Amino acid sequence: MSQGQTDPAAANAVVTGELERLFAGARDALTDDTVARLSATVGNGLDALDRANRSGVWDALPTVSALVQSGDLQRVADLARLIGAAEDSLSDDIVGRLSGAAAGGLDLLDRINRSGIMQALPTITRMVESGDLDRLAGLARLVGSMEDSLSDDIVNRLALVATQLAALVDKLARNEGFLRLIDVLGREEVQDGLIDLAEAACAAKATVAREPAPSGGLFGLLHVAGNPDTLRALRFVALTSANLHKGNQG
C-alpha cells in the first residue's frame, strides 16, 4: 500500500469506535425521566399523525395553502382574535341584556306575525305614498289637543247636550206625526212647492218695499179686489182651504 493512501479497514475501525463512544455517551446522559418524556413525545406525535391521517386533514391542505397565499387565513385569524376580544369584554350583565333584547325582538316579531299586520302593509304603503297617513297623524294630534283642552265642566256640558239630543231624537222617532211630516217633506213636489212659496214671499216683500203705501178706503179696496192677481190668490186660498177640509174629513 502506498504512503498517500489510507487503509479502509483502519478508517472503518475509527468510525465505528467514534459511533460507539457517541452512543455510549448518549446512553449515559439519558436518565429514566428523559427517556420517559421522549417516549411520551414520540407516542403523542405518532398518535397526532394517526388522527390527522384518519381525519382527512391532508385533503384540506390545498385549501389551506390557497388561504395562506391569498391572505384569507390571516383575515380569519384576525376575525377570530376580534371575536375572542369581544367575548372577553362581554360581562355577565351585558350578555344578559343582549339576551333579553334578542328575546324581546323575537317575541315582537312573533306578535307581529300572528297579528296579521303583514296583510295591512300594502294599504299602509299606499297611505304613505298618498299622504293620507300624515293626515291621520294630524287628525290624531288634533283630537289629542282637544282632549287636553277639555275641562271637566266642558265634558259635563257636552255630555248633557248629547243626552238631551238623544232624548229629543227618541221622542221624534216615536212621534208618528213627525214621521209623516218627514215623509211629506221628502216628496219632490212638496219641496218644489215650499221653494216656490219662499221665493214668492221674498219677491212680494221686495215689491211692497218699492211701492208707496196704499191710501186705504173703499176705493183702494175695490182697486185691490179688481186686480186679477188678487182673484187668483183668493182662489188659491179657497182651493187650499177646501183640500184641507177634505183631508180633515178623511
Protein backbone atom coordinates (compact mmCIF):
# COMPACT_ATOMS: atom_id res chain seq x y z
CA MET A 1 0.00 0.00 0.00
CA SER A 2 1.43 3.42 -0.88
CA GLN A 3 2.17 6.10 1.69
CA GLY A 4 -0.52 8.58 0.45
CA GLN A 5 -3.37 6.05 0.68
CA THR A 6 -5.43 5.30 3.88
CA ASP A 7 -6.22 1.81 4.99
CA PRO A 8 -10.05 1.33 4.65
CA ALA A 9 -10.20 -1.15 7.49
CA ALA A 10 -8.49 1.28 9.82
CA ALA A 11 -10.80 4.08 8.79
CA ASN A 12 -13.87 1.94 9.41
CA ALA A 13 -12.50 0.96 12.79
CA VAL A 14 -12.05 4.59 13.72
CA VAL A 15 -15.58 5.50 12.64
CA THR A 16 -17.03 2.53 14.47
CA GLY A 17 -15.19 3.48 17.60
CA GLU A 18 -16.43 7.06 17.39
CA LEU A 19 -20.02 5.90 16.98
CA GLU A 20 -19.73 3.50 19.89
CA ARG A 21 -18.38 6.29 22.09
CA LEU A 22 -21.20 8.61 20.89
CA PHE A 23 -23.92 6.07 21.69
CA ALA A 24 -22.30 5.31 24.98
CA GLY A 25 -22.17 8.98 25.93
CA ALA A 26 -25.81 9.46 24.87
CA ARG A 27 -26.84 6.38 26.83
CA ASP A 28 -25.04 7.69 29.90
CA ALA A 29 -26.68 11.15 29.54
CA LEU A 30 -30.20 9.82 29.21
CA THR A 31 -31.93 9.46 32.53
CA ASP A 32 -35.04 7.46 33.10
CA ASP A 33 -37.12 10.66 33.22
CA THR A 34 -35.68 11.89 29.92
CA VAL A 35 -36.34 8.56 28.28
CA ALA A 36 -39.93 8.56 29.55
CA ARG A 37 -40.53 12.06 28.24
CA LEU A 38 -39.01 11.24 24.87
CA SER A 39 -41.17 8.12 24.66
CA ALA A 40 -44.30 10.12 25.56
CA THR A 41 -43.40 12.77 22.99
CA VAL A 42 -42.84 10.19 20.28
CA GLY A 43 -46.07 8.41 21.24
CA ASN A 44 -48.07 11.66 21.16
CA GLY A 45 -46.53 12.58 17.82
CA LEU A 46 -47.43 9.23 16.32
CA ASP A 47 -50.97 9.49 17.75
CA ALA A 48 -51.35 13.00 16.28
CA LEU A 49 -50.18 11.77 12.89
CA ASP A 50 -52.64 8.89 13.07
CA ARG A 51 -55.54 11.20 13.93
CA ALA A 52 -54.56 13.64 11.18
CA ASN A 53 -54.41 10.80 8.69
CA ARG A 54 -57.83 9.46 9.69
CA SER A 55 -59.49 12.91 9.81
CA GLY A 56 -58.67 13.60 6.18
CA VAL A 57 -56.82 16.82 7.00
CA TRP A 58 -54.49 16.13 4.10
CA ASP A 59 -57.38 16.84 1.74
CA ALA A 60 -57.68 20.34 3.23
CA LEU A 61 -54.03 21.20 2.70
CA PRO A 62 -54.60 22.65 -0.84
CA THR A 63 -57.36 24.88 0.51
CA VAL A 64 -55.23 25.96 3.48
CA SER A 65 -52.36 26.68 1.09
CA ALA A 66 -54.65 28.82 -1.08
CA LEU A 67 -55.87 30.69 2.03
CA VAL A 68 -52.27 31.35 3.05
CA GLN A 69 -51.30 32.61 -0.38
CA SER A 70 -54.33 34.92 -0.70
CA GLY A 71 -54.04 36.22 2.87
CA ASP A 72 -57.52 34.96 3.82
CA LEU A 73 -56.07 32.77 6.55
CA GLN A 74 -54.65 35.86 8.23
CA ARG A 75 -58.04 37.55 7.95
CA VAL A 76 -59.72 34.53 9.54
CA ALA A 77 -57.17 34.65 12.35
CA ASP A 78 -57.80 38.40 12.84
CA LEU A 79 -61.55 37.74 12.91
CA ALA A 80 -61.07 35.01 15.48
CA ARG A 81 -59.00 37.38 17.63
CA LEU A 82 -61.72 40.05 17.27
CA ILE A 83 -64.42 37.61 18.37
CA GLY A 84 -62.23 36.47 21.24
CA ALA A 85 -61.67 40.06 22.37
CA ALA A 86 -65.44 40.71 22.15
CA GLU A 87 -66.11 37.60 24.26
CA ASP A 88 -63.54 38.75 26.82
CA SER A 89 -65.08 42.23 27.02
CA LEU A 90 -68.65 40.97 27.46
CA SER A 91 -69.62 40.90 31.09
CA ASP A 92 -72.44 38.83 32.51
CA ASP A 93 -74.65 41.94 32.68
CA ILE A 94 -74.06 42.81 29.03
CA VAL A 95 -74.69 39.22 27.97
CA GLY A 96 -77.92 39.21 30.00
CA ARG A 97 -79.11 42.46 28.42
CA LEU A 98 -78.23 41.28 24.92
CA SER A 99 -80.11 38.05 25.56
CA GLY A 100 -83.10 40.00 26.85
CA ALA A 101 -83.03 42.30 23.81
CA ALA A 102 -82.83 39.33 21.44
CA ALA A 103 -85.69 37.57 23.24
CA GLY A 104 -87.79 40.74 23.16
CA GLY A 105 -87.13 41.20 19.44
CA LEU A 106 -88.13 37.63 18.67
CA ASP A 107 -91.29 37.99 20.78
CA LEU A 108 -92.14 41.23 18.95
CA LEU A 109 -91.63 39.56 15.57
CA ASP A 110 -93.83 36.66 16.67
CA ARG A 111 -96.61 39.02 17.77
CA ILE A 112 -96.40 40.99 14.51
CA ASN A 113 -96.57 37.76 12.52
CA ARG A 114 -99.60 36.50 14.46
CA SER A 115 -101.41 39.86 14.39
CA GLY A 116 -101.68 39.76 10.60
CA ILE A 117 -100.14 43.21 10.19
CA MET A 118 -98.29 41.95 7.13
CA GLN A 119 -101.60 42.00 5.25
CA ALA A 120 -102.01 45.69 6.10
CA LEU A 121 -98.58 46.69 4.77
CA PRO A 122 -99.81 47.31 1.16
CA THR A 123 -102.56 49.60 2.48
CA ILE A 124 -100.11 51.41 4.76
CA THR A 125 -97.72 51.82 1.81
CA ARG A 126 -100.47 53.40 -0.30
CA MET A 127 -101.42 55.69 2.59
CA VAL A 128 -97.81 56.81 2.95
CA GLU A 129 -97.48 57.46 -0.79
CA SER A 130 -100.75 59.43 -0.97
CA GLY A 131 -100.11 61.38 2.23
CA ASP A 132 -103.20 60.01 3.99
CA LEU A 133 -101.07 58.65 6.83
CA ASP A 134 -99.79 62.16 7.59
CA ARG A 135 -103.37 63.43 7.55
CA LEU A 136 -104.41 60.71 10.01
CA ALA A 137 -101.47 61.65 12.24
CA GLY A 138 -102.54 65.30 12.10
CA LEU A 139 -106.13 64.33 12.93
CA ALA A 140 -104.89 62.26 15.87
CA ARG A 141 -102.86 65.23 17.12
CA LEU A 142 -105.93 67.47 16.76
CA VAL A 143 -108.09 65.05 18.75
CA GLY A 144 -105.36 64.76 21.37
CA SER A 145 -105.15 68.56 21.67
CA MET A 146 -108.93 68.76 22.02
CA GLU A 147 -108.86 66.12 24.75
CA ASP A 148 -106.14 68.04 26.57
CA SER A 149 -108.07 71.31 26.32
CA LEU A 150 -111.39 69.86 27.51
CA SER A 151 -112.01 70.61 31.16
CA ASP A 152 -114.33 68.63 33.40
CA ASP A 153 -117.03 71.32 33.11
CA ILE A 154 -116.94 71.29 29.31
CA VAL A 155 -117.08 67.50 29.27
CA ASN A 156 -120.09 67.53 31.60
CA ARG A 157 -121.91 70.09 29.45
CA LEU A 158 -121.17 68.18 26.26
CA ALA A 159 -122.41 65.00 27.90
CA LEU A 160 -125.61 66.81 28.98
CA VAL A 161 -126.19 68.17 25.46
CA ALA A 162 -125.60 64.73 23.95
CA THR A 163 -128.05 63.19 26.42
CA GLN A 164 -130.71 65.79 25.63
CA LEU A 165 -130.20 65.35 21.89
CA ALA A 166 -130.56 61.60 22.27
CA ALA A 167 -133.78 62.09 24.24
CA LEU A 168 -135.12 64.51 21.59
CA VAL A 169 -134.28 62.12 18.78
CA ASP A 170 -136.03 59.32 20.68
CA LYS A 171 -139.18 61.44 21.14
CA LEU A 172 -139.22 62.46 17.48
CA ALA A 173 -138.68 58.87 16.37
CA ARG A 174 -141.68 57.74 18.43
CA ASN A 175 -143.91 60.58 17.16
CA GLU A 176 -145.96 59.31 14.21
CA GLY A 177 -146.95 62.83 13.13
CA PHE A 178 -143.29 63.86 12.86
CA LEU A 179 -142.51 60.78 10.83
CA ARG A 180 -145.41 61.56 8.47
CA LEU A 181 -144.15 65.13 8.18
CA ILE A 182 -140.72 63.83 7.24
CA ASP A 183 -142.28 61.60 4.62
CA VAL A 184 -144.28 64.51 3.18
CA LEU A 185 -141.25 66.82 3.15
CA GLY A 186 -139.33 64.13 1.33
CA ARG A 187 -141.67 64.30 -1.67
CA GLU A 188 -140.28 66.28 -4.59
CA GLU A 189 -143.48 68.21 -5.33
CA VAL A 190 -143.70 69.34 -1.69
CA GLN A 191 -140.13 70.55 -1.79
CA ASP A 192 -140.78 72.41 -5.04
CA GLY A 193 -143.91 73.99 -3.53
CA LEU A 194 -142.07 75.16 -0.42
CA ILE A 195 -139.30 76.61 -2.57
CA ASP A 196 -141.81 78.45 -4.75
CA LEU A 197 -143.61 79.76 -1.65
CA ALA A 198 -140.38 81.05 -0.14
CA GLU A 199 -139.31 82.72 -3.40
CA ALA A 200 -142.77 84.26 -3.84
CA ALA A 201 -142.72 85.64 -0.30
CA CYS A 202 -139.29 87.18 -0.86
CA ALA A 203 -140.40 88.73 -4.18
CA ALA A 204 -143.58 90.09 -2.58
CA LYS A 205 -141.58 91.62 0.24
CA ALA A 206 -139.27 93.36 -2.23
CA THR A 207 -142.22 94.62 -4.27
CA VAL A 208 -144.03 96.01 -1.22
CA ALA A 209 -140.85 97.75 -0.14
CA ARG A 210 -140.53 99.52 -3.52
CA GLU A 211 -144.19 100.60 -3.91
CA PRO A 212 -145.72 103.53 -1.97
CA ALA A 213 -148.02 102.87 0.94
CA PRO A 214 -151.68 102.34 -0.08
CA SER A 215 -154.13 105.18 0.55
CA GLY A 216 -156.79 102.91 2.02
CA GLY A 217 -160.53 103.41 1.91
CA LEU A 218 -163.24 101.74 -0.06
CA PHE A 219 -161.83 102.72 -3.43
CA GLY A 220 -158.47 101.27 -2.55
CA LEU A 221 -160.13 98.02 -1.51
CA LEU A 222 -162.12 97.93 -4.74
CA HIS A 223 -158.94 98.54 -6.72
CA VAL A 224 -157.20 95.65 -4.99
CA ALA A 225 -160.26 93.41 -5.39
CA GLY A 226 -160.44 94.18 -9.09
CA ASN A 227 -156.83 93.07 -9.64
CA PRO A 228 -156.73 89.63 -11.40
CA ASP A 229 -153.78 88.60 -9.25
CA THR A 230 -155.91 89.20 -6.16
CA LEU A 231 -158.62 86.99 -7.55
CA ARG A 232 -156.12 84.23 -8.33
CA ALA A 233 -154.69 84.49 -4.82
CA LEU A 234 -158.15 84.26 -3.28
CA ARG A 235 -158.95 81.27 -5.48
CA PHE A 236 -155.69 79.59 -4.41
CA VAL A 237 -156.52 80.16 -0.74
CA ALA A 238 -160.03 78.81 -1.28
CA LEU A 239 -158.77 75.67 -3.01
CA THR A 240 -156.20 75.14 -0.29
CA SER A 241 -158.87 75.51 2.41
CA ALA A 242 -161.17 73.08 0.56
CA ASN A 243 -158.47 70.45 0.21
CA LEU A 244 -157.53 70.89 3.85
CA HIS A 245 -161.18 70.43 4.84
CA LYS A 246 -161.38 67.23 2.74
CA GLY A 247 -158.25 65.90 4.38
CA ASN A 248 -159.65 66.52 7.85
CA GLN A 249 -162.88 64.76 6.94
CA GLY A 250 -160.99 61.73 5.58
